[in-house]
Amino acid sequence: MRVSVICTGNICRSPMGEVVLRELLSQDSELFGVEVTSAGTARWHVGKPMDTRSRAALDRAGYTAPGTLGVFADTQYLDGHDLVVVMTREHVYDVRSRLRREDVEVILLRDLISPHRGLDVPDPYYGDADEFDECLATITQGCRAVLLRLREIQRANAGQSPAE
């Protein structure tokens, strides 16, 4: 199963989500075969590492794994995933408008925390270290809920016959 975490520039929220989700998956004995990447809906930071403030927030929280370099979430990229986790309602729109595969599930991260409220994960880019830490705390809470969704998907897939 391929999962992507999406934000706008792919240097703050989505790389934090990628690192956290990978770490949580590495500690989960029920989930297997899940690949996690991240990307941005804008081309601004393609090939660049995550923002140093995001890296610092991850380090303060004990997450040491690196994130991937910035990637643009174009149609080909998005169609290569099974689950796309986004940070804002605008990202939901952007991702769905680019997808060609109808079976790719798109989830607004905070809907997993507070269902049906349509809340965005605020962008900490113009904030200070506290705002990056708060953003990371929200992302971590959401990523724990992503694990629950991934377990549901794997259980459902395990019940399918080989012809399905």
Protein backbone atom coordinates (compact mmCIF):
# COMPACT_ATOMS: atom_id res chain seq x y z
CA MET A 1 0.00 0.00 0.00
CA ARG A 2 1.32 3.43 -0.91
CA VAL A 3 0.47 6.47 1.22
CA SER A 4 1.36 10.09 0.51
CA VAL A 5 1.15 13.02 2.91
CA ILE A 6 0.44 16.29 1.08
CA CYS A 7 0.77 19.99 1.92
CA THR A 8 1.42 23.03 -0.25
CA GLY A 9 5.20 23.35 -0.55
CA ASN A 10 6.29 19.96 0.84
CA ILE A 11 8.76 21.51 3.28
CA CYS A 12 6.81 21.89 6.56
CA ARG A 13 3.64 19.90 7.27
CA SER A 14 3.86 17.02 4.81
CA PRO A 15 7.48 16.04 5.52
CA MET A 16 6.69 16.11 9.25
CA GLY A 17 3.71 13.85 8.54
CA GLU A 18 5.86 11.53 6.44
CA VAL A 19 8.48 11.15 9.18
CA VAL A 20 5.89 10.66 11.94
CA LEU A 21 3.82 8.18 9.96
CA ARG A 22 6.89 6.14 9.03
CA GLU A 23 7.99 6.05 12.66
CA LEU A 24 4.54 5.00 13.88
CA LEU A 25 4.38 2.30 11.19
CA SER A 26 7.79 0.97 12.22
CA GLN A 27 6.40 0.45 15.73
CA ASP A 28 3.14 -1.19 14.61
CA SER A 29 3.23 -4.98 14.38
CA GLU A 30 -0.20 -5.17 12.70
CA LEU A 31 0.62 -3.09 9.63
CA PHE A 32 2.95 -4.30 6.91
CA GLY A 33 3.88 -3.37 3.38
CA VAL A 34 3.03 0.33 3.72
CA GLU A 35 5.24 2.81 1.86
CA VAL A 36 5.02 6.48 2.89
CA THR A 37 6.10 9.51 0.85
CA SER A 38 5.20 13.19 0.84
CA ALA A 39 4.65 15.86 -1.79
CA GLY A 40 3.37 19.38 -2.34
CA THR A 41 0.56 20.78 -4.43
CA ALA A 42 2.90 23.59 -5.57
CA ARG A 43 6.24 23.28 -7.37
CA TRP A 44 8.03 25.80 -5.15
CA HIS A 45 10.44 23.48 -3.33
CA VAL A 46 10.99 20.50 -5.63
CA GLY A 47 14.26 18.78 -4.74
CA LYS A 48 14.73 20.76 -1.53
CA PRO A 49 14.93 19.34 2.01
CA MET A 50 12.31 20.07 4.64
CA ASP A 51 12.34 23.45 6.38
CA THR A 52 14.93 23.55 9.17
CA ARG A 53 12.20 24.55 11.65
CA SER A 54 10.23 21.41 10.79
CA ARG A 55 13.37 19.34 11.25
CA ALA A 56 13.99 21.03 14.61
CA ALA A 57 10.41 20.32 15.76
CA LEU A 58 10.83 16.66 14.79
CA ASP A 59 14.17 16.50 16.62
CA ARG A 60 12.64 18.04 19.77
CA ALA A 61 9.91 15.39 19.65
CA GLY A 62 12.42 12.55 19.22
CA TYR A 63 11.86 11.80 15.52
CA THR A 64 15.27 11.35 13.94
CA ALA A 65 14.44 9.81 10.54
CA PRO A 66 15.01 12.03 7.50
CA GLY A 67 12.22 13.11 5.21
CA THR A 68 12.41 12.88 1.44
CA LEU A 69 13.30 15.83 -0.75
CA GLY A 70 10.46 18.00 -2.03
CA VAL A 71 8.24 16.50 -4.74
CA PHE A 72 5.38 17.97 -6.80
CA ALA A 73 2.08 16.10 -6.50
CA ASP A 74 1.18 15.83 -10.18
CA THR A 75 -1.28 13.34 -11.66
CA GLN A 76 1.31 10.61 -12.21
CA TYR A 77 2.58 10.90 -8.63
CA LEU A 78 -0.89 10.90 -7.07
CA ASP A 79 -2.18 8.03 -9.21
CA GLY A 80 0.70 5.92 -7.85
CA HIS A 81 -0.80 5.98 -4.33
CA ASP A 82 -3.65 4.22 -2.58
CA LEU A 83 -4.23 6.74 0.20
CA VAL A 84 -3.49 10.47 0.13
CA VAL A 85 -3.57 12.39 3.42
CA VAL A 86 -3.87 16.16 3.00
CA MET A 87 -3.55 19.12 5.35
CA THR A 88 -6.24 21.51 4.05
CA ARG A 89 -9.56 21.59 2.24
CA GLU A 90 -7.78 23.32 -0.64
CA HIS A 91 -5.41 20.35 -0.86
CA VAL A 92 -8.43 18.02 -1.05
CA TYR A 93 -9.68 19.98 -4.05
CA ASP A 94 -6.24 20.15 -5.73
CA VAL A 95 -5.55 16.45 -5.24
CA ARG A 96 -8.97 15.28 -6.40
CA SER A 97 -8.77 17.49 -9.48
CA ARG A 98 -5.42 15.90 -10.47
CA LEU A 99 -6.26 12.27 -9.72
CA ARG A 100 -7.29 10.02 -12.56
CA ARG A 101 -7.68 6.85 -10.47
CA GLU A 102 -11.07 6.80 -8.79
CA ASP A 103 -10.02 4.27 -6.14
CA VAL A 104 -7.44 6.54 -4.46
CA GLU A 105 -8.78 7.60 -1.07
CA VAL A 106 -8.18 11.26 -0.13
CA ILE A 107 -8.42 12.13 3.57
CA LEU A 108 -8.27 15.53 5.24
CA LEU A 109 -5.99 14.80 8.22
CA ARG A 110 -7.98 16.68 10.84
CA ASP A 111 -11.19 14.88 9.77
CA LEU A 112 -9.60 11.83 11.36
CA ILE A 113 -9.30 13.77 14.64
CA SER A 114 -12.54 15.80 14.51
CA PRO A 115 -14.77 14.10 11.92
CA HIS A 116 -16.88 16.15 9.52
CA ARG A 117 -15.63 19.50 10.77
CA GLY A 118 -13.46 20.25 7.73
CA LEU A 119 -10.61 21.71 9.78
CA ASP A 120 -7.25 22.50 8.19
CA VAL A 121 -3.86 21.86 9.75
CA PRO A 122 -2.53 25.43 10.02
CA ASP A 123 0.64 26.16 8.08
CA PRO A 124 3.41 27.04 10.56
CA TYR A 125 5.67 28.56 7.87
CA TYR A 126 5.35 32.14 9.15
CA GLY A 127 5.35 31.09 12.80
CA ASP A 128 7.85 30.43 15.53
CA ALA A 129 9.12 27.20 17.11
CA ASP A 130 6.00 26.90 19.29
CA GLU A 131 3.78 26.96 16.19
CA PHE A 132 5.90 24.26 14.56
CA ASP A 133 5.63 22.16 17.73
CA GLU A 134 1.84 22.66 17.83
CA CYS A 135 1.59 21.72 14.16
CA LEU A 136 3.64 18.59 14.79
CA ALA A 137 1.41 17.64 17.73
CA THR A 138 -1.68 17.90 15.50
CA ILE A 139 0.03 15.92 12.74
CA THR A 140 1.10 13.24 15.22
CA GLN A 141 -2.44 12.90 16.55
CA GLY A 142 -3.72 12.66 12.97
CA CYS A 143 -1.09 10.10 11.99
CA ARG A 144 -2.16 7.87 14.87
CA ALA A 145 -5.65 7.97 13.35
CA VAL A 146 -4.20 7.23 9.89
CA LEU A 147 -2.86 3.98 11.37
CA LEU A 148 -6.40 3.01 12.34
CA ARG A 149 -7.60 3.73 8.80
CA LEU A 150 -4.72 1.68 7.35
CA ARG A 151 -5.66 -1.27 9.57
CA GLU A 152 -9.25 -1.02 8.29
CA ILE A 153 -8.03 -1.02 4.70
CA GLN A 154 -5.71 -3.97 5.25
CA ARG A 155 -8.47 -5.98 6.97
CA ALA A 156 -10.84 -5.21 4.09
CA ASN A 157 -8.21 -6.18 1.50
CA ALA A 158 -7.42 -9.40 3.37
CA GLY A 159 -11.06 -10.42 2.97
CA GLN A 160 -10.97 -10.09 -0.82
CA SER A 161 -10.61 -13.10 -3.07
CA PRO A 162 -7.63 -13.16 -5.49
CA ALA A 163 -9.97 -12.33 -8.40
CA GLU A 164 -11.10 -9.05 -6.83
